[in-house]
Protein backbone atom coordinates (compact mmCIF):
# COMPACT_ATOMS: atom_id res chain seq x y z
CA MET A 1 118.02 126.66 171.55
CA ASN A 2 120.13 127.18 168.32
CA ALA A 3 119.54 130.48 166.57
CA PRO A 4 120.00 131.68 163.08
CA PRO A 5 123.76 132.90 162.59
CA TRP A 6 122.47 135.87 160.65
CA PRO A 7 120.85 138.88 161.64
CA HIS A 8 117.32 138.21 162.52
CA GLN A 9 114.23 139.13 164.29
CA PRO A 10 112.13 136.52 166.28
CA THR A 11 108.26 137.20 165.50
CA VAL A 12 104.89 135.55 166.46
CA GLU A 13 102.06 136.52 164.23
CA TRP A 14 99.05 136.77 166.72
CA GLN A 15 95.53 136.28 164.88
CA ILE A 16 94.08 138.11 168.24
CA CYS A 17 90.41 137.55 166.49
CA GLY A 18 88.67 135.80 163.53
CA ILE A 19 86.21 138.50 162.91
CA CYS A 20 86.58 141.18 160.63
CA ASN A 21 84.29 144.28 159.76
CA TYR A 22 85.10 144.19 155.69
CA HIS A 23 84.33 140.94 153.71
CA CYS A 24 86.29 141.37 150.70
CA GLY A 25 85.38 139.01 148.00
CA TYR A 26 89.02 138.23 147.35
CA CYS A 27 89.96 137.25 151.23
CA ILE A 28 91.73 133.90 151.11
CA GLN A 29 90.25 133.48 154.74
CA SER A 30 86.63 131.52 154.17
CA PRO A 31 83.64 133.30 155.59
CA ALA A 32 83.34 130.64 158.36
CA ARG A 33 86.65 131.37 159.51
CA ARG A 34 86.42 135.36 159.72
CA GLN A 35 84.46 135.10 163.14
CA GLY A 36 84.96 134.64 166.76
CA GLN A 37 87.24 135.95 169.45
CA PRO A 38 88.82 134.47 172.53
CA SER A 39 87.88 134.65 176.38
CA ILE A 40 89.64 136.34 178.52
CA GLU A 41 90.93 133.53 179.96
CA GLN A 42 92.24 132.26 176.52
CA ILE A 43 93.75 135.44 176.43
CA GLU A 44 95.66 135.71 179.36
CA ALA A 45 97.03 132.10 178.78
CA MET A 46 98.25 133.24 175.52
CA ILE A 47 100.03 135.95 177.29
CA ASP A 48 101.35 133.90 179.87
CA PHE A 49 102.91 132.14 177.05
CA LEU A 50 104.51 135.03 175.29
CA ALA A 51 105.76 135.85 178.71
CA THR A 52 108.11 132.87 178.54
CA LEU A 53 109.62 133.39 175.38
CA PRO A 54 113.57 134.60 175.51
CA ASP A 55 114.70 137.65 174.31
CA CYS A 56 112.46 140.50 172.77
CA TRP A 57 110.43 139.21 170.19
CA GLU A 58 108.18 141.23 167.82
CA VAL A 59 104.32 140.32 168.29
CA LYS A 60 102.49 141.15 165.04
CA MET A 61 99.02 141.59 165.99
CA THR A 62 96.64 140.32 163.20
CA GLY A 63 92.95 139.04 162.89
CA GLY A 64 90.57 139.18 161.38
CA GLU A 65 91.01 143.06 162.41
CA PRO A 66 92.41 143.30 165.52
CA PHE A 67 90.25 146.80 166.50
CA ALA A 68 87.19 144.54 165.97
CA SER A 69 88.00 142.72 168.96
CA ARG A 70 86.45 143.98 171.97
CA HIS A 71 89.59 143.03 174.08
CA PHE A 72 91.92 144.26 171.98
CA LEU A 73 92.62 147.90 173.55
CA ASP A 74 91.76 146.62 177.04
CA PRO A 75 92.62 144.34 178.49
CA LEU A 76 94.75 142.26 175.75
CA LEU A 77 97.04 145.13 175.19
CA PRO A 78 97.68 146.85 177.83
CA GLU A 79 98.80 143.39 179.75
CA LEU A 80 101.12 142.31 176.82
CA LEU A 81 102.76 145.43 177.31
CA ARG A 82 103.02 145.11 180.88
CA ARG A 83 103.81 141.41 181.36
CA THR A 84 106.58 140.84 178.28
CA PRO A 85 109.36 143.15 176.80
CA HIS A 86 108.29 142.23 173.24
CA ARG A 87 107.87 144.74 170.18
CA ILE A 88 104.21 145.32 169.17
CA SER A 89 103.50 145.64 165.06
CA LEU A 90 100.28 145.87 164.06
CA LEU A 91 98.37 144.43 160.68
CA THR A 92 94.81 146.66 160.32
CA ASN A 93 92.56 147.74 157.73
CA LEU A 94 92.50 151.11 159.72
CA SER A 95 88.82 151.12 160.11
CA ALA A 96 88.77 152.04 163.24
CA GLY A 97 87.46 155.77 164.64
CA PRO A 98 89.83 158.31 165.82
CA GLU A 99 89.67 157.68 169.33
CA ALA A 100 90.90 154.10 169.18
CA ILE A 101 93.47 154.65 166.47
CA GLU A 102 94.89 157.22 169.22
CA ARG A 103 94.71 155.29 172.01
CA PHE A 104 96.66 152.24 170.18
CA ALA A 105 99.33 154.86 169.56
CA LEU A 106 99.34 156.11 173.06
CA LEU A 107 99.51 152.64 174.59
CA THR A 108 102.36 151.35 172.47
CA ARG A 109 104.40 154.73 172.31
CA GLY A 110 107.90 153.49 172.45
CA ARG A 111 107.10 150.17 171.94
CA LEU A 112 105.58 150.44 168.46
CA GLY A 113 107.44 148.83 165.32
CA ILE A 114 105.68 148.42 162.16
CA VAL A 115 102.05 149.57 161.36
CA SER A 116 100.82 147.38 158.22
CA ALA A 117 97.67 149.45 157.21
CA SER A 118 95.75 147.77 154.40
CA LEU A 119 93.61 149.59 152.00
CA HIS A 120 91.04 148.09 150.61
CA VAL A 121 89.40 150.35 148.25
CA ASP A 122 85.83 148.48 147.95
CA PHE A 123 85.33 150.11 151.62
CA THR A 124 87.02 153.12 151.79
CA THR A 125 88.50 155.83 149.59
CA VAL A 126 92.09 157.02 149.73
CA ASP A 127 91.79 160.39 150.92
CA ALA A 128 89.83 158.99 154.24
CA PHE A 129 92.28 156.10 154.77
CA LEU A 130 95.49 158.38 154.53
CA GLU A 131 93.96 160.66 157.03
CA ARG A 132 93.65 158.07 159.79
CA LEU A 133 97.07 156.68 158.94
CA VAL A 134 98.51 160.29 159.50
CA ARG A 135 96.39 160.38 162.74
CA LEU A 136 98.17 157.20 163.84
CA ARG A 137 101.32 158.55 162.76
CA ASP A 138 101.08 161.90 164.33
CA ALA A 139 100.06 160.34 167.64
CA ALA A 140 102.72 157.34 167.55
CA GLY A 141 105.59 159.73 167.51
CA LYS A 142 109.14 159.07 166.14
CA GLY A 143 110.51 155.16 165.63
CA PRO A 144 107.45 153.25 164.02
CA GLN A 145 107.32 152.50 160.37
CA PHE A 146 104.24 152.38 158.44
CA VAL A 147 103.93 150.10 155.32
CA VAL A 148 100.59 150.57 152.90
CA ASN A 149 99.20 147.20 151.79
CA SER A 150 96.69 146.62 149.03
CA VAL A 151 95.80 143.25 147.06
CA LEU A 152 96.62 143.48 143.10
CA VAL A 153 92.79 142.70 142.21
CA PRO A 154 92.99 142.49 138.70
CA HIS A 155 90.13 144.36 138.13
CA ARG A 156 91.35 147.05 140.46
CA LEU A 157 94.85 147.59 138.66
CA PRO A 158 94.36 150.72 137.03
CA ASP A 159 92.89 152.36 140.47
CA LEU A 160 96.01 150.81 141.98
CA ILE A 161 98.32 152.74 140.09
CA GLN A 162 96.67 155.99 141.21
CA VAL A 163 96.50 154.86 144.79
CA ARG A 164 100.46 153.95 144.69
CA GLU A 165 101.01 157.51 143.34
CA ALA A 166 98.96 158.74 146.39
CA VAL A 167 99.92 157.10 149.30
CA THR A 168 104.04 157.78 148.04
CA LYS A 169 103.34 161.72 147.96
CA ALA A 170 101.98 161.25 151.25
CA GLY A 171 105.01 159.86 152.72
CA PHE A 172 104.44 156.15 152.81
CA ARG A 173 105.85 153.03 151.59
CA PHE A 174 103.48 151.44 149.10
CA TYR A 175 103.51 147.25 149.19
CA PRO A 176 101.24 144.94 147.67
CA GLN A 177 100.65 141.72 147.37
CA LEU A 178 99.58 138.97 144.54
CA MET A 179 96.17 138.04 145.21
CA LYS A 180 95.96 134.56 146.65
CA VAL A 181 93.49 131.93 145.47
CA LYS A 182 92.83 128.42 146.61
CA GLY A 183 96.23 126.37 145.74
CA GLY A 184 98.27 128.89 145.32
CA LEU A 185 98.12 132.41 143.44
CA HIS A 186 95.62 134.09 140.92
CA PRO A 187 96.55 133.50 137.16
CA TYR A 188 97.01 137.00 135.90
CA SER A 189 96.80 137.71 132.33
CA ALA A 190 99.35 139.58 130.45
CA GLN A 191 97.39 142.79 130.72
CA ASP A 192 97.40 142.28 134.22
CA ARG A 193 101.34 141.52 134.35
CA ALA A 194 101.62 144.72 132.47
CA LEU A 195 99.90 146.79 134.99
CA ILE A 196 101.03 145.35 137.79
CA ALA A 197 104.78 146.02 136.14
CA ARG A 198 103.41 150.01 136.19
CA ILE A 199 102.92 149.70 140.13
CA VAL A 200 105.78 147.51 141.38
CA GLY A 201 108.16 147.35 138.66
CA ASP A 202 109.59 144.04 136.93
CA TRP A 203 108.44 141.55 139.38
CA ASP A 204 111.39 139.16 137.72
CA ALA A 205 114.00 141.23 138.65
CA ALA A 206 116.01 140.31 141.96
CA GLU A 207 115.12 143.18 143.70
CA ALA A 208 111.27 142.58 143.33
CA ALA A 209 110.49 141.23 146.75
CA ARG A 210 111.17 144.83 148.07
CA SER A 211 108.68 146.55 145.82
CA ALA A 212 105.42 143.63 146.49
CA ASN A 213 104.70 140.19 148.10
CA PHE A 214 104.86 137.86 145.13
CA ALA A 215 104.40 135.18 147.51
CA PRO A 216 107.74 133.11 146.26
CA SER A 217 108.77 129.56 146.70
CA TYR A 218 111.28 128.75 149.46
CA GLU A 219 110.69 124.70 149.21
CA GLY A 220 113.61 123.08 150.34
CA ARG A 221 115.51 126.03 152.11
CA ARG A 222 116.15 125.62 156.10
CA CYS A 223 113.42 127.99 157.69
CA TRP A 224 113.62 128.88 161.14
CA ALA A 225 109.81 128.68 161.35
CA GLY A 226 108.67 127.29 164.57
CA ALA A 227 111.87 127.96 166.54
CA ARG A 228 112.31 131.77 165.83
CA TYR A 229 108.80 132.76 164.11
CA LEU A 230 105.30 131.11 164.79
CA VAL A 231 101.67 131.83 164.46
CA LEU A 232 99.40 131.91 167.48
CA ALA A 233 95.56 131.81 166.79
CA GLN A 234 93.09 132.93 168.45
CA ASP A 235 92.16 129.86 170.09
CA GLY A 236 95.38 129.19 171.68
CA GLN A 237 96.61 126.87 168.82
CA ALA A 238 100.28 127.45 167.91
CA TRP A 239 101.41 126.77 164.55
CA THR A 240 105.02 127.02 162.48
CA CYS A 241 104.01 129.47 159.81
CA ARG A 242 100.54 130.29 158.21
CA THR A 243 100.85 127.56 155.31
CA ALA A 244 101.39 124.89 157.91
CA LYS A 245 98.28 126.15 159.71
CA ARG A 246 96.50 126.31 156.45
CA HIS A 247 97.62 122.42 155.94
CA GLY A 248 96.74 121.47 159.51
CA GLN A 249 100.46 120.59 159.83
CA GLY A 250 103.40 122.03 161.98
CA ARG A 251 101.34 122.50 165.39
CA LEU A 252 103.11 123.40 168.27
CA GLY A 253 100.61 122.76 171.34
CA ASN A 254 97.86 125.10 172.89
CA THR A 255 98.67 127.84 175.35
CA SER A 256 95.05 126.98 176.99
CA VAL A 257 95.64 123.14 177.18
CA GLU A 258 98.93 122.09 177.14
CA ARG A 259 102.24 123.27 176.84
CA VAL A 260 103.88 125.04 173.38
CA VAL A 261 106.92 123.59 172.45
CA LEU A 262 109.06 125.20 170.03
CA ARG A 263 111.39 123.69 167.41
CA GLN A 264 114.91 123.21 167.88
CA GLY A 265 116.20 124.53 165.02
CA ALA A 266 115.59 125.15 161.27
CA GLN A 267 114.09 122.80 158.87
CA PRO A 268 113.76 122.46 154.95
CA CYS A 269 110.54 124.25 153.97
CA PRO A 270 107.78 121.63 152.59
CA TYR A 271 105.74 124.16 150.63
CA PRO A 272 105.69 125.38 147.15
CA ILE A 273 104.74 129.11 148.06
CA CYS A 274 105.10 131.06 151.28
CA PRO A 275 102.24 133.81 150.98
CA CYS A 276 103.73 136.10 154.00
CA ALA A 277 106.40 137.97 153.81
CA VAL A 278 107.49 138.16 157.45
CA PRO A 279 109.82 134.96 157.57
CA ALA A 280 111.70 135.64 155.17
CA ASN A 281 111.83 139.85 155.79
CA ARG A 282 112.80 139.01 159.51
CA GLY A 283 115.66 136.40 158.42
CA MET A 284 113.92 133.25 159.04
CA ILE A 285 115.10 131.35 155.76
CA GLU A 286 118.56 130.60 155.03
CA GLY A 287 119.88 131.87 151.90
CA VAL A 288 117.52 135.02 151.90
CA PRO A 289 118.85 138.48 153.07
CA ALA A 290 116.73 139.69 156.19
CA HIS A 291 114.82 142.71 156.03
CA LEU A 292 114.36 143.76 159.73
CA PRO A 293 112.47 146.36 160.83
CA THR A 294 114.80 148.84 161.77
CA GLY A 295 115.72 148.68 158.10
CA GLY A 296 112.17 149.35 156.42
CA SER A 297 110.72 145.82 156.78
CA GLU A 298 107.71 145.36 154.54
CA ALA A 299 105.54 143.74 157.21
């Protein structure tokens, strides 16, 4: 298989379950999709596939909420670590109890790359959230990177100004994201944009992508999604990227019933926005500088 000629990190986003213990009104996933989890047999088939990937990939574990899966800490994570050389990343709302958080840290110690912790102020306090994140950081040891994400919900923007201050004071990177709605981005008012600028700076500046996920357009640019990046859903379906999955396009196969076949090279992006920062930050889009995990990626 060809590979991008610039520094990049091959990555799988593994949506290990659909269920989530939070029910955010701004979640782009419909309630009907926020449920379910794979069987042990399906998990084994997905790990079989991940074990065939060449080189060392990053396996970014997402959901739903990964800790809400009854199989996450046993047997899924131990088996993945035992059978593959891949590094682990995690997207979590960090609502799990201290025992689960510390067990995750100990299991992944030495293999953990990035923890993207999503702070939802409707469901937890900043102090409680940061206490859990510090516990995870201390248990994980040196090496992993920690990023705090929050959705820039219009009526919560004044609160998020204070959230940013608390997060950065605690020593963590704050990387919020614009709110998505069906069909694209929420149409922020001029007043909203002024508040967002106080949180992330000038979102029209060239360096804005380092301060927040603005869901930019890469339409027409050659992208390695499907070749060196893919999304693996909880039912074993593999897709080239999140947007392709949402549109029912870019299907690569199903680990439970057929072979997953990766693309052999880059193809022009057909979508007007890229809602996920991972492909760009991992070096999948030609002409877009990568921000790899070793350099402080935004997850």
